N, C-alpha and C. Protein backbone atom coordinates (compact mmCIF):
# COMPACT_ATOMS: atom_id res chain seq x y z
N UNK A 1 -11.16 21.56 -18.84
CA UNK A 1 -10.77 20.27 -17.53
C UNK A 1 -9.74 19.39 -17.99
N UNK A 2 -8.79 19.26 -17.15
CA UNK A 2 -7.76 18.45 -17.32
C UNK A 2 -7.73 16.76 -16.94
N UNK A 3 -7.51 15.84 -17.66
CA UNK A 3 -7.84 14.53 -17.16
C UNK A 3 -6.38 13.51 -17.41
N UNK A 4 -6.00 13.22 -16.21
CA UNK A 4 -4.48 12.42 -15.88
C UNK A 4 -5.21 10.97 -15.74
N UNK A 5 -4.36 10.10 -16.75
CA UNK A 5 -4.96 8.79 -16.43
C UNK A 5 -3.33 8.07 -16.24
N UNK A 6 -3.45 7.46 -14.98
CA UNK A 6 -2.30 6.75 -14.83
C UNK A 6 -2.58 5.66 -14.79
N UNK A 7 -1.73 5.00 -15.80
CA UNK A 7 -2.26 3.62 -16.63
C UNK A 7 -1.23 2.47 -16.46
N UNK A 8 -1.53 1.42 -15.87
CA UNK A 8 -0.35 0.46 -15.45
C UNK A 8 -0.88 -1.19 -16.20
N UNK A 9 -0.05 -1.30 -17.04
CA UNK A 9 -0.36 -2.90 -17.70
C UNK A 9 0.90 -2.93 -18.66
N UNK A 10 1.46 -3.98 -18.87
CA UNK A 10 2.58 -4.26 -19.65
C UNK A 10 2.10 -4.48 -21.06
N UNK A 11 0.86 -5.16 -21.15
CA UNK A 11 0.60 -5.59 -22.69
C UNK A 11 -0.48 -4.65 -23.41
N UNK A 12 -0.11 -4.87 -24.84
CA UNK A 12 -1.15 -4.11 -25.66
C UNK A 12 -2.19 -5.10 -25.86
N UNK A 13 -2.01 -6.37 -25.74
CA UNK A 13 -2.81 -7.21 -26.11
C UNK A 13 -3.77 -7.48 -25.03
N UNK A 14 -4.04 -6.91 -23.89
CA UNK A 14 -4.67 -7.35 -22.94
C UNK A 14 -6.13 -6.48 -23.06
N UNK A 15 -6.96 -6.83 -21.92
CA UNK A 15 -8.20 -6.48 -22.17
C UNK A 15 -7.96 -4.84 -21.48
N UNK A 16 -7.50 -4.73 -20.37
CA UNK A 16 -7.23 -3.10 -19.76
C UNK A 16 -6.80 -2.26 -20.71
N UNK A 17 -5.73 -2.60 -21.67
CA UNK A 17 -5.41 -2.00 -22.89
C UNK A 17 -6.75 -1.49 -23.50
N UNK A 18 -7.73 -2.35 -24.16
CA UNK A 18 -8.52 -2.25 -24.90
C UNK A 18 -9.65 -0.89 -24.04
N UNK A 19 -9.78 -1.53 -22.81
CA UNK A 19 -10.38 -0.33 -21.84
C UNK A 19 -9.88 1.15 -22.02
N UNK A 20 -8.61 1.10 -21.95
CA UNK A 20 -7.87 1.88 -21.86
C UNK A 20 -8.39 3.04 -23.45
N UNK A 21 -8.14 2.13 -24.69
CA UNK A 21 -8.47 2.97 -25.70
C UNK A 21 -9.84 3.23 -25.66
N UNK A 22 -10.77 2.65 -25.23
CA UNK A 22 -12.19 3.04 -25.43
C UNK A 22 -12.28 4.15 -24.33
N UNK A 23 -12.06 4.23 -23.03
CA UNK A 23 -11.73 5.53 -22.25
C UNK A 23 -11.13 6.72 -23.07
N UNK A 24 -10.15 6.42 -23.87
CA UNK A 24 -9.43 7.49 -24.71
C UNK A 24 -10.33 8.19 -25.82
N UNK A 25 -11.18 7.16 -26.29
CA UNK A 25 -12.27 7.52 -27.32
C UNK A 25 -13.35 8.35 -26.90
N UNK A 26 -13.93 7.86 -25.46
CA UNK A 26 -15.10 8.63 -24.85
C UNK A 26 -14.34 9.90 -24.52
N UNK A 27 -13.25 10.23 -24.11
CA UNK A 27 -12.86 11.81 -23.42
C UNK A 27 -12.63 12.39 -24.56
N UNK A 28 -12.22 12.04 -25.61
CA UNK A 28 -11.94 12.92 -26.64
C UNK A 28 -13.11 13.40 -27.40
N UNK A 29 -14.25 12.78 -27.04
CA UNK A 29 -15.63 13.31 -27.84
C UNK A 29 -15.83 14.41 -26.86
N UNK A 30 -15.04 14.81 -25.33
CA UNK A 30 -15.90 16.03 -24.96
C UNK A 30 -14.85 17.35 -25.05
N UNK A 31 -13.34 16.96 -25.78
CA UNK A 31 -12.41 18.04 -25.96
C UNK A 31 -12.04 18.15 -24.68
N UNK A 32 -11.65 17.17 -23.53
CA UNK A 32 -10.95 17.64 -22.68
C UNK A 32 -9.25 17.35 -22.92
N UNK A 33 -8.61 18.15 -21.95
CA UNK A 33 -7.45 17.58 -22.48
C UNK A 33 -7.08 16.54 -21.49
N UNK A 34 -6.25 15.61 -22.38
CA UNK A 34 -5.74 14.14 -21.90
C UNK A 34 -4.07 14.08 -21.42
N UNK A 35 -3.86 13.59 -20.56
CA UNK A 35 -2.36 13.33 -20.33
C UNK A 35 -2.65 12.02 -19.67
N UNK A 36 -1.65 11.03 -20.31
CA UNK A 36 -1.43 9.47 -19.89
C UNK A 36 -0.14 9.21 -19.27
N UNK A 37 -0.05 9.06 -18.15
CA UNK A 37 1.22 8.28 -17.71
C UNK A 37 1.19 6.84 -17.58
N UNK A 38 2.01 6.44 -18.67
CA UNK A 38 1.81 4.98 -18.86
C UNK A 38 3.16 4.48 -18.32
N UNK A 39 3.03 4.18 -16.95
CA UNK A 39 4.05 3.32 -16.16
C UNK A 39 5.05 2.32 -16.79
N UNK A 40 4.32 1.58 -17.62
CA UNK A 40 5.31 0.46 -18.40
C UNK A 40 5.94 1.12 -19.65
N UNK A 41 5.48 1.80 -20.35
CA UNK A 41 6.16 2.11 -21.59
C UNK A 41 7.07 3.14 -21.15
N UNK A 42 6.78 4.19 -20.16
CA UNK A 42 7.69 4.67 -19.70
C UNK A 42 8.78 4.16 -18.76
N UNK A 43 8.70 2.86 -18.49
CA UNK A 43 9.66 2.16 -17.74
C UNK A 43 9.68 2.70 -16.18
N UNK A 44 8.59 3.21 -15.80
CA UNK A 44 8.84 4.19 -14.34
C UNK A 44 9.28 3.20 -13.43
N UNK A 45 10.20 3.51 -12.52
CA UNK A 45 10.80 2.72 -11.69
C UNK A 45 10.12 2.81 -10.41
N UNK A 46 9.59 1.33 -10.13
CA UNK A 46 8.74 1.37 -8.91
C UNK A 46 9.29 1.18 -7.71
N UNK A 47 10.96 0.68 -7.69
CA UNK A 47 11.31 0.29 -6.14
C UNK A 47 12.26 1.64 -5.63
N UNK A 48 12.00 2.25 -4.24
CA UNK A 48 12.60 3.30 -4.02
C UNK A 48 14.21 2.98 -3.90
N UNK A 49 14.82 3.46 -4.07
CA UNK A 49 16.06 3.52 -3.83
C UNK A 49 16.55 3.79 -2.62
N UNK A 50 18.04 3.57 -2.00
CA UNK A 50 18.35 3.28 -1.07
C UNK A 50 18.13 5.00 -0.13
N UNK A 51 18.40 5.64 -1.28
CA UNK A 51 18.30 7.23 -0.70
C UNK A 51 16.89 7.75 -0.57
N UNK A 52 15.84 7.07 -1.57
CA UNK A 52 14.71 7.48 -1.57
C UNK A 52 14.11 6.90 -0.03
N UNK A 53 14.54 5.76 0.34
CA UNK A 53 14.10 5.29 1.54
C UNK A 53 14.44 6.10 2.83
N UNK A 54 15.94 6.59 2.76
CA UNK A 54 16.37 7.57 3.61
C UNK A 54 15.35 8.70 3.93
N UNK A 55 15.07 9.12 2.74
CA UNK A 55 14.45 10.61 2.31
C UNK A 55 12.89 10.17 3.06
N UNK A 56 12.31 9.12 2.53
CA UNK A 56 10.98 9.15 3.23
C UNK A 56 10.83 8.42 4.74
N UNK A 57 11.64 7.40 5.02
CA UNK A 57 11.51 6.84 6.12
C UNK A 57 12.10 7.83 7.56
N UNK A 58 12.95 8.33 7.30
CA UNK A 58 13.85 9.44 8.21
C UNK A 58 13.31 11.13 7.80
N UNK A 59 12.34 11.27 6.88
CA UNK A 59 11.67 12.66 6.50
C UNK A 59 13.15 13.86 6.39
N UNK A 60 14.02 12.65 5.76
CA UNK A 60 15.44 13.89 5.69
C UNK A 60 15.25 14.48 4.21
N UNK A 61 14.52 15.75 4.39
CA UNK A 61 13.91 16.78 3.46
C UNK A 61 14.92 17.18 2.70
N UNK A 62 16.36 17.14 3.05
CA UNK A 62 17.32 17.62 2.35
C UNK A 62 17.88 17.06 1.16
N UNK A 63 17.33 15.54 1.24
CA UNK A 63 17.92 14.84 0.20
C UNK A 63 16.90 15.05 -1.05
N UNK A 64 17.02 14.75 -1.98
CA UNK A 64 16.83 15.35 -3.52
C UNK A 64 15.65 14.23 -3.97
N UNK A 65 14.58 15.00 -4.74
CA UNK A 65 13.49 13.75 -5.29
C UNK A 65 14.18 13.62 -6.74
N UNK A 66 14.17 12.35 -6.91
CA UNK A 66 13.86 12.09 -8.21
C UNK A 66 13.42 12.89 -9.49
N UNK A 67 13.80 12.89 -10.76
CA UNK A 67 13.23 13.72 -11.56
C UNK A 67 12.18 13.05 -12.23
N UNK A 68 11.89 11.44 -12.26
CA UNK A 68 11.13 11.31 -12.78
C UNK A 68 10.01 11.17 -11.43
N UNK A 69 10.16 11.25 -10.46
CA UNK A 69 9.27 11.53 -9.35
C UNK A 69 8.21 13.10 -9.54
N UNK A 70 9.49 13.99 -9.74
CA UNK A 70 8.87 15.57 -9.92
C UNK A 70 8.24 15.37 -11.39
N UNK A 71 8.40 14.65 -12.40
CA UNK A 71 7.64 14.90 -13.71
C UNK A 71 6.10 14.31 -13.05
N UNK A 72 6.30 13.31 -12.08
CA UNK A 72 4.75 12.67 -11.91
C UNK A 72 3.98 13.93 -11.20
N UNK A 73 4.35 14.25 -9.97
CA UNK A 73 4.18 15.50 -9.44
C UNK A 73 3.55 16.68 -10.35
N UNK A 74 4.51 16.70 -11.16
CA UNK A 74 3.77 18.15 -12.12
C UNK A 74 2.54 17.74 -12.75
N UNK A 75 2.41 16.48 -13.10
CA UNK A 75 1.37 16.07 -13.87
C UNK A 75 -0.16 16.34 -12.80
N UNK A 76 0.23 15.63 -11.55
CA UNK A 76 -0.69 15.77 -10.60
C UNK A 76 -1.28 17.26 -10.79
N UNK A 77 -0.26 17.84 -10.60
CA UNK A 77 -0.78 19.35 -10.48
C UNK A 77 -1.24 20.05 -11.30
N UNK A 78 -1.46 19.63 -12.69
CA UNK A 78 -2.39 19.90 -13.64
C UNK A 78 -3.75 19.51 -13.80
N UNK A 79 -4.03 18.20 -13.16
CA UNK A 79 -4.75 17.67 -13.17
C UNK A 79 -6.38 17.85 -12.41
N UNK A 80 -7.48 17.92 -13.23
CA UNK A 80 -8.44 18.17 -12.07
C UNK A 80 -9.12 17.01 -11.84
N UNK A 81 -8.65 15.94 -12.75
CA UNK A 81 -9.40 14.23 -12.39
C UNK A 81 -8.45 13.86 -12.74
N UNK A 82 -7.62 12.26 -11.86
CA UNK A 82 -7.16 11.63 -11.97
C UNK A 82 -7.56 10.21 -12.39
N UNK A 83 -7.65 9.41 -13.02
CA UNK A 83 -7.98 8.16 -13.53
C UNK A 83 -6.86 7.45 -13.31
N UNK A 84 -7.25 6.18 -12.12
CA UNK A 84 -6.05 5.02 -12.15
C UNK A 84 -6.58 3.77 -13.26
N UNK A 85 -5.94 3.14 -13.70
CA UNK A 85 -6.25 2.39 -14.53
C UNK A 85 -5.34 1.14 -14.85
N UNK A 86 -5.72 -0.28 -14.25
CA UNK A 86 -4.71 -1.17 -14.13
C UNK A 86 -5.96 -2.75 -14.02
N UNK A 87 -4.88 -3.79 -14.12
CA UNK A 87 -5.64 -5.08 -13.94
C UNK A 87 -5.53 -5.36 -12.14
N UNK A 88 -6.20 -5.97 -11.59
CA UNK A 88 -6.40 -6.95 -10.38
C UNK A 88 -5.41 -8.08 -10.33
N UNK A 89 -4.25 -7.79 -9.58
CA UNK A 89 -3.54 -8.68 -9.71
C UNK A 89 -3.06 -9.45 -8.34
N UNK A 90 -4.03 -10.56 -7.47
CA UNK A 90 -3.54 -11.10 -6.62
C UNK A 90 -4.23 -9.87 -5.81
N UNK A 91 -5.64 -9.61 -5.90
CA UNK A 91 -5.90 -8.63 -5.03
C UNK A 91 -5.67 -7.51 -4.74
N UNK A 92 -4.79 -6.62 -5.69
CA UNK A 92 -4.33 -5.35 -5.70
C UNK A 92 -4.01 -5.12 -7.03
N UNK A 93 -3.22 -3.93 -7.01
CA UNK A 93 -2.70 -3.24 -8.21
C UNK A 93 -1.59 -3.75 -8.71
N UNK A 94 -0.82 -3.65 -9.64
CA UNK A 94 0.38 -4.08 -9.95
C UNK A 94 1.42 -3.60 -9.36
N UNK A 95 2.75 -4.24 -9.02
CA UNK A 95 3.64 -3.70 -8.24
C UNK A 95 4.20 -2.28 -8.83
N UNK A 96 4.13 -1.90 -9.91
CA UNK A 96 4.49 -0.78 -10.68
C UNK A 96 3.66 0.63 -10.30
N UNK A 97 2.56 0.08 -10.30
CA UNK A 97 1.58 1.28 -9.79
C UNK A 97 1.62 1.31 -8.13
N UNK A 98 1.82 0.10 -7.48
CA UNK A 98 2.08 0.59 -5.91
C UNK A 98 3.35 1.38 -5.87
N UNK A 99 4.51 1.15 -6.61
CA UNK A 99 5.50 1.66 -6.69
C UNK A 99 5.47 3.46 -6.85
N UNK A 100 4.51 3.50 -8.15
CA UNK A 100 4.14 5.01 -8.14
C UNK A 100 3.70 5.72 -6.82
N UNK A 101 2.54 4.86 -5.95
CA UNK A 101 2.39 5.84 -4.85
C UNK A 101 3.54 5.55 -3.79
N UNK A 102 4.50 4.49 -3.38
CA UNK A 102 5.48 4.68 -3.02
C UNK A 102 6.49 5.87 -2.89
N UNK A 103 6.34 6.04 -4.09
CA UNK A 103 7.58 7.03 -4.53
C UNK A 103 6.90 8.51 -5.06
N UNK A 104 5.81 8.87 -5.92
CA UNK A 104 5.42 9.91 -6.14
C UNK A 104 4.69 10.41 -4.91
N UNK A 105 4.20 9.91 -4.14
CA UNK A 105 3.16 10.33 -2.81
C UNK A 105 4.60 10.45 -1.60
N UNK A 106 5.77 11.32 -2.18
CA UNK A 106 6.83 11.83 -1.44
C UNK A 106 6.36 12.75 0.12
N UNK A 107 7.49 12.31 0.78
CA UNK A 107 7.12 12.99 2.08
C UNK A 107 7.60 14.52 1.97
N UNK A 108 6.53 15.56 2.24
CA UNK A 108 6.77 16.73 2.17
C UNK A 108 5.91 17.71 1.18
N UNK A 109 5.23 16.29 0.34
CA UNK A 109 4.46 16.66 -0.84
C UNK A 109 3.20 16.19 -0.44
N UNK A 110 2.94 14.96 -0.67
CA UNK A 110 1.79 14.09 -0.22
C UNK A 110 1.46 13.65 1.20
N UNK A 111 2.41 13.86 2.36
CA UNK A 111 1.89 13.79 3.53
C UNK A 111 3.46 14.65 4.23
N UNK A 112 2.88 14.54 5.66
CA UNK A 112 4.19 15.52 6.37
C UNK A 112 4.55 16.67 5.86
N UNK A 113 3.69 17.56 5.29
CA UNK A 113 3.93 18.78 4.85
C UNK A 113 4.60 19.68 5.65
N UNK A 114 5.32 20.34 4.97
CA UNK A 114 6.41 21.60 5.68
C UNK A 114 6.25 22.47 4.92
N UNK A 115 6.80 24.04 5.27
CA UNK A 115 6.81 25.04 4.74
C UNK A 115 7.92 25.34 3.54
N UNK A 116 9.15 24.06 3.50
CA UNK A 116 9.77 24.02 2.23
C UNK A 116 9.05 23.49 1.14
N UNK A 117 8.63 22.60 1.14
CA UNK A 117 8.00 22.25 -0.01
C UNK A 117 6.57 22.40 -0.38
N UNK A 118 6.20 22.18 -1.67
CA UNK A 118 4.84 22.71 -2.16
C UNK A 118 3.75 21.64 -1.58
N UNK A 119 2.54 21.73 -1.00
CA UNK A 119 1.80 20.50 -0.57
C UNK A 119 1.25 20.19 -2.10
N UNK A 120 0.70 18.82 -2.05
CA UNK A 120 0.02 18.78 -3.34
C UNK A 120 -1.49 18.75 -3.29
N UNK A 121 -1.85 19.28 -4.36
CA UNK A 121 -3.02 19.82 -4.26
C UNK A 121 -4.31 19.30 -4.00
N UNK A 122 -5.24 19.41 -3.42
CA UNK A 122 -6.40 18.74 -3.70
C UNK A 122 -6.87 18.61 -4.25
N UNK A 123 -7.26 17.20 -5.10
CA UNK A 123 -7.60 17.09 -6.58
C UNK A 123 -9.22 16.83 -6.60
N UNK A 124 -10.18 17.66 -7.33
CA UNK A 124 -11.51 17.35 -7.41
C UNK A 124 -11.99 16.34 -7.31
N UNK A 125 -11.37 15.45 -8.15
CA UNK A 125 -12.14 14.15 -8.66
C UNK A 125 -11.45 12.83 -8.89
N UNK A 126 -11.27 11.90 -8.05
CA UNK A 126 -10.52 10.26 -8.52
C UNK A 126 -11.18 9.24 -8.79
N UNK A 127 -10.88 8.83 -9.80
CA UNK A 127 -11.95 7.69 -10.38
C UNK A 127 -10.60 6.44 -10.72
N UNK A 128 -11.10 5.23 -9.73
CA UNK A 128 -10.04 3.92 -10.18
C UNK A 128 -11.03 3.09 -10.51
N UNK A 129 -10.26 2.52 -11.91
CA UNK A 129 -11.01 1.52 -12.74
C UNK A 129 -9.98 0.31 -12.92
N UNK A 130 -10.27 -0.98 -12.43
CA UNK A 130 -9.69 -2.26 -12.58
C UNK A 130 -10.27 -3.00 -13.42
N UNK A 131 -9.63 -3.82 -13.93
CA UNK A 131 -10.34 -5.10 -14.26
C UNK A 131 -9.94 -6.25 -13.59
N UNK A 132 -10.85 -7.24 -13.66
CA UNK A 132 -10.63 -8.43 -12.80
C UNK A 132 -11.02 -9.70 -13.29
N UNK A 133 -10.43 -10.57 -13.16
CA UNK A 133 -11.20 -12.06 -13.61
C UNK A 133 -12.31 -12.57 -13.16
N UNK A 134 -12.20 -12.53 -11.62
CA UNK A 134 -13.76 -13.08 -11.10
C UNK A 134 -14.89 -12.05 -11.04
N UNK A 135 -16.12 -12.54 -11.40
CA UNK A 135 -17.50 -11.33 -11.25
C UNK A 135 -17.04 -10.80 -10.17
N UNK A 136 -18.19 -9.39 -10.12
CA UNK A 136 -18.30 -8.89 -9.22
C UNK A 136 -18.65 -9.18 -8.04
N UNK A 137 -19.97 -9.81 -7.87
CA UNK A 137 -20.63 -10.65 -6.92
C UNK A 137 -19.97 -11.34 -6.02
N UNK A 138 -19.07 -12.34 -6.93
CA UNK A 138 -17.92 -12.81 -5.84
C UNK A 138 -16.91 -12.04 -5.21
N UNK A 139 -16.25 -11.45 -6.13
CA UNK A 139 -15.58 -10.21 -4.79
C UNK A 139 -16.20 -9.59 -3.80
N UNK A 140 -16.78 -9.57 -4.14
CA UNK A 140 -17.96 -8.90 -2.94
C UNK A 140 -18.37 -9.73 -1.77
N UNK A 141 -18.91 -10.93 -2.31
CA UNK A 141 -18.83 -12.25 -1.23
C UNK A 141 -17.87 -12.64 -0.47
N UNK A 142 -16.47 -12.62 -1.08
CA UNK A 142 -15.08 -13.02 -0.26
C UNK A 142 -14.70 -11.45 0.12
N UNK A 143 -15.39 -10.80 0.20
CA UNK A 143 -14.87 -9.24 0.71
C UNK A 143 -13.98 -8.57 0.13
N UNK A 144 -13.52 -8.93 -0.84
CA UNK A 144 -12.07 -8.36 -1.68
C UNK A 144 -12.55 -7.31 -2.53
N UNK A 145 -13.77 -7.11 -2.76
CA UNK A 145 -13.88 -6.15 -3.50
C UNK A 145 -13.95 -4.66 -2.21
N UNK A 146 -14.61 -5.25 -1.41
CA UNK A 146 -14.64 -3.83 -0.24
C UNK A 146 -13.09 -3.61 0.22
N UNK A 147 -12.19 -4.65 0.38
CA UNK A 147 -10.81 -4.49 0.67
C UNK A 147 -10.12 -3.68 -0.44
N UNK A 148 -10.06 -4.08 -1.77
CA UNK A 148 -9.94 -3.15 -2.54
C UNK A 148 -10.03 -1.87 -2.51
N UNK A 149 -11.40 -1.29 -2.45
CA UNK A 149 -11.82 -0.30 -1.90
C UNK A 149 -11.60 0.47 -1.23
N UNK A 150 -11.24 -0.46 0.20
CA UNK A 150 -10.48 0.49 1.15
C UNK A 150 -9.25 0.96 0.81
N UNK A 151 -8.48 0.12 0.12
CA UNK A 151 -6.94 0.22 0.21
C UNK A 151 -6.69 1.44 -0.95
N UNK A 152 -7.76 1.67 -2.05
CA UNK A 152 -7.24 2.64 -2.96
C UNK A 152 -8.10 4.12 -2.91
N UNK A 153 -9.47 3.53 -2.08
CA UNK A 153 -9.97 4.99 -1.93
C UNK A 153 -9.87 5.43 -0.59
N UNK A 154 -9.68 4.86 0.43
CA UNK A 154 -9.44 5.63 1.58
C UNK A 154 -7.90 5.86 2.02
N UNK A 155 -6.82 4.69 1.34
CA UNK A 155 -5.56 5.07 1.53
C UNK A 155 -5.04 5.79 0.75
N UNK A 156 -4.86 5.15 -0.33
CA UNK A 156 -4.06 5.86 -1.53
C UNK A 156 -4.52 7.03 -2.25
N UNK A 157 -5.86 6.95 -2.15
CA UNK A 157 -6.41 8.60 -2.42
C UNK A 157 -6.69 9.47 -1.53
N UNK A 158 -7.52 8.74 -0.72
CA UNK A 158 -7.72 9.25 0.65
C UNK A 158 -8.02 10.91 0.56
N UNK A 159 -7.71 11.61 1.50
CA UNK A 159 -8.17 12.95 1.43
C UNK A 159 -7.56 13.91 0.56
N UNK A 160 -6.65 13.53 -0.26
CA UNK A 160 -5.72 14.14 -1.37
C UNK A 160 -6.82 14.26 -2.42
N UNK A 161 -8.11 13.54 -2.42
CA UNK A 161 -9.27 13.69 -3.49
C UNK A 161 -10.33 14.18 -2.84
N UNK A 162 -11.03 15.13 -3.19
CA UNK A 162 -12.48 15.62 -2.75
C UNK A 162 -13.57 14.55 -3.05
N UNK A 163 -13.64 14.09 -4.04
CA UNK A 163 -14.55 12.97 -4.45
C UNK A 163 -13.57 11.87 -5.18
N UNK A 164 -14.32 10.57 -4.81
CA UNK A 164 -13.76 9.52 -5.13
C UNK A 164 -14.67 8.36 -5.66
N UNK A 165 -14.41 7.55 -6.66
CA UNK A 165 -15.24 6.44 -6.71
C UNK A 165 -14.37 5.42 -7.42
N UNK A 166 -14.64 3.97 -7.47
CA UNK A 166 -14.05 2.89 -7.98
C UNK A 166 -15.08 2.27 -8.76
N UNK A 167 -14.47 1.83 -9.84
CA UNK A 167 -15.51 0.98 -10.93
C UNK A 167 -14.65 -0.10 -10.85
N UNK A 168 -15.19 -1.57 -10.63
CA UNK A 168 -14.25 -3.23 -10.52
C UNK A 168 -15.14 -3.78 -12.19
N UNK A 169 -14.23 -3.62 -13.05
CA UNK A 169 -15.08 -4.41 -14.33
C UNK A 169 -14.55 -5.64 -14.19
N UNK A 170 -15.35 -6.41 -13.49
CA UNK A 170 -15.10 -8.18 -13.18
C UNK A 170 -15.69 -9.15 -14.00
N UNK A 171 -15.52 -10.07 -13.97
CA UNK A 171 -15.84 -11.41 -14.71
C UNK A 171 -15.18 -11.51 -16.17
N UNK A 172 -13.57 -10.77 -16.14
CA UNK A 172 -12.86 -10.91 -17.44
C UNK A 172 -12.87 -12.53 -17.84
N UNK A 173 -12.65 -13.22 -16.98
CA UNK A 173 -12.53 -14.74 -17.33
C UNK A 173 -13.60 -15.42 -18.47
N UNK A 174 -14.69 -14.53 -18.53
CA UNK A 174 -15.65 -14.85 -19.40
C UNK A 174 -15.78 -13.38 -20.09
N UNK A 175 -14.97 -13.03 -20.87
CA UNK A 175 -14.91 -11.57 -21.42
C UNK A 175 -16.17 -11.78 -22.30
N UNK A 176 -16.33 -12.69 -23.23
CA UNK A 176 -17.73 -12.39 -24.15
C UNK A 176 -18.77 -12.08 -23.63
N UNK A 177 -19.02 -12.49 -21.91
CA UNK A 177 -20.26 -12.03 -21.58
C UNK A 177 -20.59 -10.96 -20.67
N UNK A 178 -19.11 -10.38 -20.52
CA UNK A 178 -19.46 -9.26 -20.05
C UNK A 178 -18.52 -7.47 -20.54
N UNK A 179 -17.99 -7.84 -22.08
CA UNK A 179 -17.47 -6.98 -22.56
C UNK A 179 -18.33 -5.54 -22.74
N UNK A 180 -19.45 -6.02 -23.40
CA UNK A 180 -20.34 -5.05 -23.80
C UNK A 180 -21.02 -4.07 -22.66
N UNK A 181 -21.43 -4.83 -21.40
CA UNK A 181 -21.24 -4.21 -20.41
C UNK A 181 -20.45 -3.28 -19.49
N UNK A 182 -19.02 -3.62 -19.84
CA UNK A 182 -18.17 -3.04 -19.05
C UNK A 182 -17.94 -1.42 -20.50
N UNK A 183 -17.89 -1.87 -21.39
CA UNK A 183 -17.92 -0.54 -22.28
C UNK A 183 -18.95 0.68 -22.13
N UNK A 184 -19.91 -0.21 -21.85
CA UNK A 184 -21.44 0.76 -21.54
C UNK A 184 -20.83 1.60 -20.13
N UNK A 185 -20.51 0.67 -19.14
CA UNK A 185 -19.89 1.46 -18.04
C UNK A 185 -18.89 2.62 -18.31
N UNK A 186 -17.94 2.26 -18.88
CA UNK A 186 -16.87 3.14 -19.60
C UNK A 186 -17.64 4.51 -20.08
N UNK A 187 -18.37 4.29 -20.86
CA UNK A 187 -19.46 5.66 -21.94
C UNK A 187 -19.41 6.46 -20.35
N UNK A 188 -20.20 5.62 -19.47
CA UNK A 188 -20.82 6.17 -18.31
C UNK A 188 -20.27 7.21 -17.40
N UNK A 189 -18.67 6.98 -17.55
CA UNK A 189 -17.96 7.74 -16.66
C UNK A 189 -17.74 9.01 -17.25
N UNK A 190 -17.96 9.59 -18.29
CA UNK A 190 -17.70 10.68 -18.65
C UNK A 190 -18.88 11.47 -17.96
N UNK A 191 -19.94 11.07 -17.76
CA UNK A 191 -21.46 12.01 -16.95
C UNK A 191 -21.01 11.55 -15.40
N UNK A 192 -20.08 10.71 -14.92
CA UNK A 192 -20.10 10.57 -13.45
C UNK A 192 -18.59 11.82 -13.19
N UNK A 193 -17.57 11.76 -14.21
CA UNK A 193 -17.07 12.90 -14.16
C UNK A 193 -17.57 14.29 -14.28
N UNK A 194 -18.58 14.44 -15.10
CA UNK A 194 -19.23 15.86 -15.32
C UNK A 194 -19.73 16.12 -14.03
N UNK A 195 -20.40 15.14 -13.29
CA UNK A 195 -21.60 15.65 -12.25
C UNK A 195 -20.34 16.26 -10.80
N UNK A 196 -19.12 16.02 -10.89
CA UNK A 196 -18.39 16.96 -10.18
C UNK A 196 -17.71 18.53 -10.43
N UNK A 197 -18.11 18.52 -11.77
CA UNK A 197 -17.86 19.72 -11.99
C UNK A 197 -18.70 20.44 -12.60
N UNK A 198 -20.16 20.40 -12.35
CA UNK A 198 -21.30 20.84 -12.38
C UNK A 198 -21.23 22.18 -12.21
């Protein structure tokens, strides 16, 4: 089993980093192959360049794909499961992760397929894990949880994934009340992954 974690947080002092460390230890027990794409550590460029915009916006497939984008696409092609881990900032993922989708989901690869470029493979399972300050009940009450799920699962993961789920680790403004429950949910992610590969 090849697991790719696309991780997006700038600080190792964050709760999201603690979740990453717990997730890594849980996966390590399974002897699965784990690769982490740490977007801040690698200083992943989130903004489209002018050339990239022309390639995407006008489907100019003769324009080159950047090396950092090709590297991410290679990671995708090796993965059986991709986990996206990030904090919720202003009701969405950080700009750097949004930029990952903008750039890595390039035309001719993730959409608008042609015979010239290899099509992005369909990933068996995608798991979105995000940390959020507000409790899940409040996020559902104001319809924010549903909005985040629609954007991530139906648009960004979409038909590129056979199966997909989202885990919102809410209530982090009162971390001492939720951390134990969150870590139990992280432990359970292994069983969630396994059920799609039984």
